[in-house]
């Protein structure tokens, strides 16, 4: 969506003001270089803060790989919490994306520690007490600029066209690129005691990234027109509209709780990264015990055991999120009464997740793995034209398969 000219001018003004604050501090307030670097570092933290707020209200669905542990479990979880007397809604998937924000916070702390402690004191000077009031003014200016941009994000309803992943990524790249410029510049300052290099590098990089943010819509239009696939033309998926109605009363099937949890534990044990580390710790344990380093071997053995427990726990949590709140509704199609449809419904979110229509003649396959055989359950895999779903660990698969695609009157029970 192309920004209105007035909105773009406002965003450009906010970017210019934010980037002029450090220069004003040097020229008029005689800031030391330590204050300048500190201000840029604080601005990166403010950027993360306001990006988190914007991501919280992003409305488009996130794109999680469906097979990925934990994150993939939220692939079809579209529910959210509406804020009273507003059009804003906090999506569950947005909250899941925000789990990555602490990682950005750690990266921010690392950059600050390296730059603020690594730059030579004689090159930057210390933070004088007289500089504290003007530094506060600078911080207030930066906060006001980001607050203004976030206000426009809400008032212009930009949150309707983005997902939380896009917003978090918009904070990651300035953090990574500007942080890298600060780290490299700090090294050069330490070597040459020239602060000009660091100033130009940080200020230029930061202003360039701000301009990219202001003119992102034009860059996107250029990418689309030239078919260059630069990433600017990415359009996040829209929330699917799932019809949950049936032509007549429907039947409800739910997964067996114990089978779901047991299957999750098995799934966790088959996670390749976990298996690789478990094999590494096990080999180290065998090596230390073989050469008489009993205490070290016991420690690595305990680490292998803890890792195994963690893998099981992750798998159980993953399957609990995927299946425990689900129910599968089976009934006559509203578009063609000859067929039977299935709707996957999340009882916790009170939202339908998907619908498979019988008129599409989907392929079905019944699986009975070790967990299913142990608990007397079955798993039905349904493949339609646009997706594959698993009706995991249901008591009886015939309720799904025996009348699939037949007239709904013959499938009523």
Protein backbone atom coordinates (compact mmCIF):
# COMPACT_ATOMS: atom_id res chain seq x y z
CA UNK A 1 0.00 0.00 0.00
CA UNK A 2 1.41 3.38 -1.08
CA UNK A 3 1.80 5.94 1.69
CA UNK A 4 -0.13 9.21 1.32
CA UNK A 5 2.23 12.17 0.63
CA UNK A 6 1.32 13.80 3.93
CA UNK A 7 2.14 10.63 5.87
CA UNK A 8 5.47 10.29 4.06
CA UNK A 9 6.39 13.89 4.78
CA UNK A 10 5.58 13.40 8.45
CA UNK A 11 7.69 10.24 8.60
CA UNK A 12 10.56 11.98 6.81
CA UNK A 13 10.36 14.92 9.22
CA UNK A 14 10.45 12.54 12.20
CA UNK A 15 13.52 10.78 10.74
CA UNK A 16 15.34 14.06 10.10
CA UNK A 17 14.60 15.34 13.62
CA UNK A 18 15.79 12.09 15.19
CA UNK A 19 19.06 12.25 13.24
CA UNK A 20 19.64 15.96 13.93
CA UNK A 21 19.53 15.51 17.71
CA UNK A 22 23.10 14.09 17.97
CA UNK A 23 24.50 16.80 15.68
CA UNK A 24 22.80 19.54 17.70
CA UNK A 25 24.31 18.02 20.83
CA UNK A 26 27.83 18.23 19.39
CA UNK A 27 27.54 21.74 17.93
CA UNK A 28 25.48 23.56 20.57
CA UNK A 29 25.80 21.49 23.75
CA UNK A 30 29.45 20.47 23.31
CA UNK A 31 28.79 16.81 23.92
CA UNK A 32 31.75 14.54 24.34
CA UNK A 33 32.02 11.61 22.00
CA UNK A 34 31.03 9.21 24.80
CA UNK A 35 27.68 10.99 25.08
CA UNK A 36 27.12 10.71 21.33
CA UNK A 37 27.81 6.98 21.27
CA UNK A 38 25.62 6.51 24.35
CA UNK A 39 22.74 8.38 22.65
CA UNK A 40 22.94 6.26 19.50
CA UNK A 41 22.96 3.12 21.62
CA UNK A 42 19.93 4.31 23.60
CA UNK A 43 18.11 5.05 20.35
CA UNK A 44 18.60 1.45 19.22
CA UNK A 45 16.98 0.36 22.49
CA UNK A 46 14.09 2.78 21.90
CA UNK A 47 13.74 1.35 18.39
CA UNK A 48 13.37 -2.17 19.81
CA UNK A 49 10.82 -0.95 22.36
CA UNK A 50 8.53 0.76 19.84
CA UNK A 51 8.92 -2.03 17.28
CA UNK A 52 7.67 -4.42 19.97
CA UNK A 53 4.62 -2.20 20.52
CA UNK A 54 3.87 -2.05 16.79
CA UNK A 55 4.37 -5.81 16.39
CA UNK A 56 1.91 -6.42 19.20
CA UNK A 57 -0.92 -4.94 17.11
CA UNK A 58 0.08 -6.31 13.69
CA UNK A 59 -2.95 -8.06 12.19
CA UNK A 60 -1.64 -10.22 9.35
CA UNK A 61 -0.86 -13.86 10.21
CA UNK A 62 2.75 -14.80 10.86
CA UNK A 63 4.40 -17.40 8.65
CA UNK A 64 5.67 -20.25 10.80
CA UNK A 65 7.01 -23.44 9.15
CA UNK A 66 4.33 -25.97 10.05
CA UNK A 67 6.81 -28.75 10.87
CA UNK A 68 8.92 -26.59 13.19
CA UNK A 69 8.70 -27.43 16.89
CA UNK A 70 6.79 -24.95 19.07
CA UNK A 71 6.60 -22.14 16.51
CA UNK A 72 5.01 -24.41 13.90
CA UNK A 73 2.34 -25.39 16.43
CA UNK A 74 0.89 -21.87 16.07
CA UNK A 75 0.61 -22.12 12.29
CA UNK A 76 -3.21 -22.16 12.30
CA UNK A 77 -3.84 -20.33 15.60
CA UNK A 78 -5.54 -17.14 14.44
CA UNK A 79 -7.36 -15.95 17.55
CA UNK A 80 -6.62 -12.85 19.55
CA UNK A 81 -7.72 -10.41 22.21
CA UNK A 82 -9.65 -7.29 21.20
CA UNK A 83 -9.00 -4.06 23.07
CA UNK A 84 -12.26 -2.53 24.34
CA UNK A 85 -13.58 0.55 22.46
CA UNK A 86 -10.87 0.28 19.77
CA UNK A 87 -10.32 -1.54 16.49
CA UNK A 88 -7.04 -2.93 17.81
CA UNK A 89 -6.58 -6.63 18.42
CA UNK A 90 -3.62 -8.48 19.89
CA UNK A 91 -3.08 -11.65 17.86
CA UNK A 92 -1.79 -14.80 19.55
CA UNK A 93 0.73 -15.25 16.73
CA UNK A 94 2.07 -11.74 17.37
CA UNK A 95 2.75 -12.66 21.00
CA UNK A 96 4.62 -15.74 19.81
CA UNK A 97 6.78 -13.64 17.45
CA UNK A 98 7.63 -11.29 20.33
CA UNK A 99 9.46 -14.17 22.01
CA UNK A 100 12.36 -13.14 19.75
CA UNK A 101 12.54 -9.64 21.27
CA UNK A 102 14.69 -10.72 24.28
CA UNK A 103 17.24 -11.98 21.74
CA UNK A 104 17.34 -8.48 20.22
CA UNK A 105 17.70 -7.10 23.74
CA UNK A 106 20.73 -9.30 24.39
CA UNK A 107 22.27 -8.20 21.09
CA UNK A 108 21.63 -4.58 22.06
CA UNK A 109 23.34 -5.09 25.44
CA UNK A 110 26.32 -6.77 23.77
CA UNK A 111 26.74 -3.88 21.32
CA UNK A 112 26.52 -1.33 24.12
CA UNK A 113 28.98 -3.15 26.33
CA UNK A 114 31.49 -3.62 23.53
CA UNK A 115 31.30 -0.06 22.19
CA UNK A 116 30.97 1.90 25.44
CA UNK A 117 33.70 -0.06 27.19
CA UNK A 118 35.90 -0.70 24.16
CA UNK A 119 36.37 2.85 22.92
CA UNK A 120 39.45 4.45 24.42
CA UNK A 121 38.61 6.84 27.29
CA UNK A 122 41.06 9.40 26.03
CA UNK A 123 39.43 9.40 22.60
CA UNK A 124 35.86 9.80 23.76
CA UNK A 125 36.07 11.46 27.09
CA UNK A 126 33.96 10.61 30.11
CA UNK A 127 30.36 11.57 30.71
CA UNK A 128 30.44 14.90 32.50
CA UNK A 129 27.75 15.79 35.02
CA UNK A 130 26.91 18.93 33.03
CA UNK A 131 26.08 16.82 29.99
CA UNK A 132 23.37 14.83 31.75
CA UNK A 133 20.54 17.42 31.34
CA UNK A 134 21.16 17.90 27.63
CA UNK A 135 21.49 14.15 27.15
CA UNK A 136 18.07 13.80 28.77
CA UNK A 137 16.68 16.35 26.30
CA UNK A 138 18.14 14.30 23.46
CA UNK A 139 16.58 11.11 24.76
CA UNK A 140 13.20 12.83 25.12
CA UNK A 141 13.52 14.02 21.51
CA UNK A 142 14.19 10.49 20.29
CA UNK A 143 11.28 9.11 22.30
CA UNK A 144 8.99 11.79 20.87
CA UNK A 145 10.06 10.96 17.32
CA UNK A 146 9.37 7.23 17.71
CA UNK A 147 6.14 7.94 19.57
CA UNK A 148 5.00 10.12 16.68
CA UNK A 149 5.82 7.38 14.14
CA UNK A 150 3.99 4.76 16.20
CA UNK A 151 0.98 7.06 16.50
CA UNK A 152 0.83 7.36 12.71
CA UNK A 153 1.17 3.58 12.45
CA UNK A 154 -2.04 3.25 14.49
CA UNK A 155 -4.00 6.20 13.06
CA UNK A 156 -3.23 5.26 9.44
CA UNK A 157 -4.11 1.62 10.22
CA UNK A 158 -0.77 0.41 8.90
CA UNK A 159 -1.02 -2.51 11.32
CA UNK A 160 -3.63 -4.09 9.01
CA UNK A 161 -1.04 -4.62 6.25
CA UNK A 162 1.85 -6.15 8.20
CA UNK A 163 2.53 -9.13 10.42
CA UNK A 164 4.60 -9.16 13.59
CA UNK A 165 7.56 -10.81 11.87
CA UNK A 166 7.90 -7.88 9.45
CA UNK A 167 7.87 -5.35 12.29
CA UNK A 168 10.46 -7.22 14.36
CA UNK A 169 12.68 -7.58 11.30
CA UNK A 170 12.40 -3.83 10.74
CA UNK A 171 14.04 -3.40 14.14
CA UNK A 172 16.61 -6.15 13.63
CA UNK A 173 18.28 -4.70 10.54
CA UNK A 174 18.95 -1.22 11.99
CA UNK A 175 20.19 -2.89 15.17
CA UNK A 176 22.48 -5.23 13.26
CA UNK A 177 23.80 -2.76 10.67
CA UNK A 178 24.14 0.29 12.94
CA UNK A 179 25.51 -1.93 15.71
CA UNK A 180 28.12 -3.32 13.32
CA UNK A 181 29.06 0.23 12.28
CA UNK A 182 29.43 1.18 15.96
CA UNK A 183 31.57 -1.87 16.75
CA UNK A 184 33.86 -1.42 13.73
CA UNK A 185 34.04 2.33 14.30
CA UNK A 186 34.92 1.82 17.95
CA UNK A 187 37.80 -0.39 16.88
CA UNK A 188 39.06 2.26 14.47
CA UNK A 189 38.75 4.96 17.12
CA UNK A 190 40.75 2.86 19.54
CA UNK A 191 43.46 2.34 16.91
CA UNK A 192 43.64 5.85 15.47
CA UNK A 193 41.95 8.01 18.13
CA UNK A 194 39.95 9.67 15.32
CA UNK A 195 36.32 10.15 16.32
CA UNK A 196 35.28 11.53 12.93
CA UNK A 197 35.29 8.03 11.38
CA UNK A 198 32.89 6.67 13.97
CA UNK A 199 30.64 9.72 13.81
CA UNK A 200 30.29 9.63 10.01
CA UNK A 201 29.87 5.85 9.96
CA UNK A 202 27.16 5.70 12.61
CA UNK A 203 25.26 8.83 11.56
CA UNK A 204 25.34 7.96 7.85
CA UNK A 205 24.28 4.36 8.39
CA UNK A 206 21.47 5.32 10.75
CA UNK A 207 20.08 8.03 8.45
CA UNK A 208 20.23 5.72 5.42
CA UNK A 209 18.24 3.04 7.26
CA UNK A 210 15.68 5.64 8.34
CA UNK A 211 15.24 6.77 4.72
CA UNK A 212 14.70 3.16 3.67
CA UNK A 213 11.92 2.94 6.24
CA UNK A 214 10.28 6.17 5.01
CA UNK A 215 10.36 5.17 1.33
CA UNK A 216 9.72 1.45 1.81
CA UNK A 217 6.47 1.62 -0.16
CA UNK A 218 8.23 3.12 -3.20
CA UNK A 219 11.00 0.54 -2.99
CA UNK A 220 8.32 -2.13 -2.88
CA UNK A 221 6.60 -0.71 -5.97
CA UNK A 222 9.97 -0.62 -7.78
CA UNK A 223 10.66 -4.23 -6.81
CA UNK A 224 7.24 -5.32 -8.08
CA UNK A 225 7.53 -3.42 -11.38
CA UNK A 226 11.02 -4.73 -12.16
CA UNK A 227 10.48 -8.30 -10.85
CA UNK A 228 13.85 -8.12 -9.13
CA UNK A 229 12.77 -10.10 -6.04
CA UNK A 230 14.76 -7.89 -3.65
CA UNK A 231 12.42 -8.65 -0.76
CA UNK A 232 10.68 -5.26 -0.73
CA UNK A 233 7.61 -6.67 -2.50
CA UNK A 234 6.84 -9.19 0.22
CA UNK A 235 3.13 -9.25 1.01
CA UNK A 236 2.22 -11.14 4.20
CA UNK A 237 -0.70 -13.58 4.01
CA UNK A 238 -4.15 -12.47 5.00
CA UNK A 239 -6.11 -14.18 7.73
CA UNK A 240 -8.16 -16.92 6.03
CA UNK A 241 -11.92 -16.74 6.27
CA UNK A 242 -13.10 -20.15 7.49
CA UNK A 243 -16.79 -21.00 7.21
CA UNK A 244 -17.72 -23.04 10.29
CA UNK A 245 -21.38 -23.63 9.41
CA UNK A 246 -22.95 -26.93 8.31
CA UNK A 247 -26.12 -27.82 6.44
CA UNK A 248 -27.31 -29.93 9.39
CA UNK A 249 -26.18 -31.02 12.87
CA UNK A 250 -22.55 -32.10 12.89
CA UNK A 251 -20.57 -34.72 14.76
CA UNK A 252 -17.61 -33.79 16.97
CA UNK A 253 -14.40 -35.81 17.34
CA UNK A 254 -11.58 -34.87 19.71
CA UNK A 255 -8.01 -36.18 20.09
CA UNK A 256 -7.22 -38.53 22.97
CA UNK A 257 -5.28 -36.51 25.53
CA UNK A 258 -2.83 -39.19 26.71
CA UNK A 259 -1.98 -40.21 23.15
CA UNK A 260 -1.31 -36.60 22.17
CA UNK A 261 1.10 -36.05 25.06
CA UNK A 262 2.88 -39.37 24.50
CA UNK A 263 3.20 -38.65 20.78
CA UNK A 264 4.66 -35.25 21.61
CA UNK A 265 7.37 -36.84 23.74
CA UNK A 266 8.27 -39.17 20.88
CA UNK A 267 8.33 -36.25 18.45
CA UNK A 268 10.68 -34.32 20.72
CA UNK A 269 13.10 -37.23 20.84
CA UNK A 270 13.32 -37.19 17.04
CA UNK A 271 14.34 -33.51 16.79
CA UNK A 272 17.62 -33.55 14.82
CA UNK A 273 19.43 -30.68 16.62
CA UNK A 274 18.64 -32.26 19.99
CA UNK A 275 19.76 -35.70 18.80
CA UNK A 276 23.05 -34.24 17.55
CA UNK A 277 23.85 -32.64 20.91
CA UNK A 278 22.70 -35.75 22.77
CA UNK A 279 25.05 -37.89 20.67
CA UNK A 280 27.87 -35.41 21.34
CA UNK A 281 27.34 -35.46 25.13
CA UNK A 282 26.97 -39.25 25.13
CA UNK A 283 30.22 -39.69 23.20
CA UNK A 284 31.99 -37.30 25.58
CA UNK A 285 30.64 -39.24 28.56
CA UNK A 286 31.89 -42.54 27.13
CA UNK A 287 35.28 -40.99 26.37
CA UNK A 288 35.81 -39.54 29.85
CA UNK A 289 34.66 -42.71 31.61
CA UNK A 290 36.91 -44.85 29.42
CA UNK A 291 39.97 -42.81 30.37
CA UNK A 292 39.17 -42.65 34.06
CA UNK A 293 37.85 -39.09 34.26
CA UNK A 294 34.83 -40.28 36.22
CA UNK A 295 33.71 -36.94 37.64
CA UNK A 296 33.81 -35.19 34.26
CA UNK A 297 32.07 -38.17 32.68
CA UNK A 298 29.27 -38.02 35.25
CA UNK A 299 28.81 -34.32 34.55
CA UNK A 300 28.55 -34.79 30.78
CA UNK A 301 26.27 -37.78 31.37
CA UNK A 302 23.99 -35.64 33.52
CA UNK A 303 23.97 -32.99 30.78
CA UNK A 304 22.97 -35.65 28.25
CA UNK A 305 20.13 -36.77 30.54
CA UNK A 306 18.91 -33.19 31.05
CA UNK A 307 19.01 -32.60 27.32
CA UNK A 308 16.94 -35.73 26.76
CA UNK A 309 14.34 -34.51 29.26
CA UNK A 310 14.29 -31.09 27.59
CA UNK A 311 13.71 -32.68 24.17
CA UNK A 312 10.77 -34.66 25.53
CA UNK A 313 9.32 -31.57 27.24
CA UNK A 314 9.58 -29.48 24.05
CA UNK A 315 7.81 -32.19 22.06
CA UNK A 316 5.03 -32.50 24.65
CA UNK A 317 4.47 -28.73 24.67
CA UNK A 318 4.44 -28.66 20.87
CA UNK A 319 1.75 -31.36 20.56
CA UNK A 320 -0.27 -29.93 23.44
CA UNK A 321 -0.47 -26.60 21.58
CA UNK A 322 -1.24 -28.27 18.24
CA UNK A 323 -3.91 -30.76 19.26
CA UNK A 324 -5.26 -30.60 22.81
CA UNK A 325 -7.57 -27.65 22.21
CA UNK A 326 -8.71 -28.91 18.81
CA UNK A 327 -11.95 -30.60 17.89
CA UNK A 328 -12.96 -31.86 14.46
CA UNK A 329 -16.50 -31.11 13.34
CA UNK A 330 -17.91 -33.37 10.63
CA UNK A 331 -21.16 -32.58 8.87
CA UNK A 332 -23.00 -31.80 5.66
CA UNK A 333 -21.50 -29.23 3.29
CA UNK A 334 -23.24 -25.87 2.94
CA UNK A 335 -22.18 -25.53 -0.72
CA UNK A 336 -23.16 -28.99 -1.95
CA UNK A 337 -25.43 -31.14 0.19
CA UNK A 338 -24.07 -34.33 -1.38
CA UNK A 339 -20.76 -34.00 0.44
CA UNK A 340 -19.40 -34.04 3.98
CA UNK A 341 -16.98 -31.38 5.24
CA UNK A 342 -14.55 -31.28 8.19
CA UNK A 343 -13.79 -28.15 10.19
CA UNK A 344 -10.85 -27.98 12.59
CA UNK A 345 -12.00 -25.82 15.50
CA UNK A 346 -9.81 -24.47 18.32
CA UNK A 347 -11.91 -24.52 21.48
CA UNK A 348 -9.45 -22.44 23.49
CA UNK A 349 -9.34 -19.59 20.97
CA UNK A 350 -12.99 -20.13 19.97
CA UNK A 351 -11.94 -19.86 16.33
CA UNK A 352 -12.09 -22.22 13.31
CA UNK A 353 -8.61 -23.03 12.02
CA UNK A 354 -9.32 -24.71 8.68
CA UNK A 355 -11.99 -26.43 6.59
CA UNK A 356 -11.66 -29.39 4.23
CA UNK A 357 -14.52 -29.68 1.76
CA UNK A 358 -15.71 -33.08 0.61
CA UNK A 359 -16.51 -31.79 -2.87
CA UNK A 360 -12.75 -31.36 -3.43
CA UNK A 361 -12.44 -35.15 -3.15
CA UNK A 362 -9.46 -35.04 -0.76
CA UNK A 363 -7.21 -38.05 -0.26
CA UNK A 364 -7.32 -39.68 3.17
CA UNK A 365 -4.88 -42.03 4.81
CA UNK A 366 -5.19 -43.71 8.21
CA UNK A 367 -1.98 -44.09 10.21
CA UNK A 368 -1.49 -46.26 13.27
CA UNK A 369 1.96 -45.69 14.69
CA UNK A 370 3.33 -47.09 17.94
CA UNK A 371 1.57 -44.48 20.07
CA UNK A 372 -1.74 -45.06 18.28
CA UNK A 373 -1.47 -48.82 18.69
CA UNK A 374 -0.62 -48.48 22.37
CA UNK A 375 -3.57 -46.20 23.16
CA UNK A 376 -6.01 -47.71 20.65
CA UNK A 377 -6.29 -44.52 18.59
CA UNK A 378 -5.87 -43.63 14.92
CA UNK A 379 -4.51 -40.65 13.01
CA UNK A 380 -6.18 -39.53 9.78
CA UNK A 381 -4.11 -37.59 7.24
CA UNK A 382 -6.28 -35.58 4.85
CA UNK A 383 -4.75 -34.06 1.70
CA UNK A 384 -6.76 -31.53 -0.27
CA UNK A 385 -5.71 -29.27 -3.13
CA UNK A 386 -4.24 -26.53 -0.94
CA UNK A 387 -3.25 -28.15 2.34
CA UNK A 388 -2.64 -31.28 4.39
CA UNK A 389 -4.10 -31.69 7.87
CA UNK A 390 -3.72 -34.36 10.54
CA UNK A 391 -6.61 -35.47 12.70
CA UNK A 392 -4.25 -36.79 15.34
CA UNK A 393 -5.02 -39.63 17.75
CA UNK A 394 -8.80 -39.75 17.43
CA UNK A 395 -10.64 -42.74 18.93
CA UNK A 396 -12.12 -44.02 15.65
CA UNK A 397 -11.08 -43.07 12.11
CA UNK A 398 -14.18 -44.52 10.48
CA UNK A 399 -16.22 -41.53 11.63
CA UNK A 400 -14.14 -39.55 9.13
CA UNK A 401 -13.44 -42.02 6.36
CA UNK A 402 -16.45 -44.28 5.88
CA UNK A 403 -18.80 -41.66 4.47
CA UNK A 404 -16.26 -39.20 3.07
CA UNK A 405 -17.50 -37.80 -0.19
CA UNK A 406 -20.88 -39.51 -0.02
CA UNK A 407 -24.23 -37.83 0.32
CA UNK A 408 -24.56 -36.08 3.65
CA UNK A 409 -27.88 -37.78 4.27
CA UNK A 410 -26.09 -41.13 4.24
CA UNK A 411 -23.40 -39.90 6.60
CA UNK A 412 -25.67 -38.57 9.35
CA UNK A 413 -25.30 -40.47 12.60
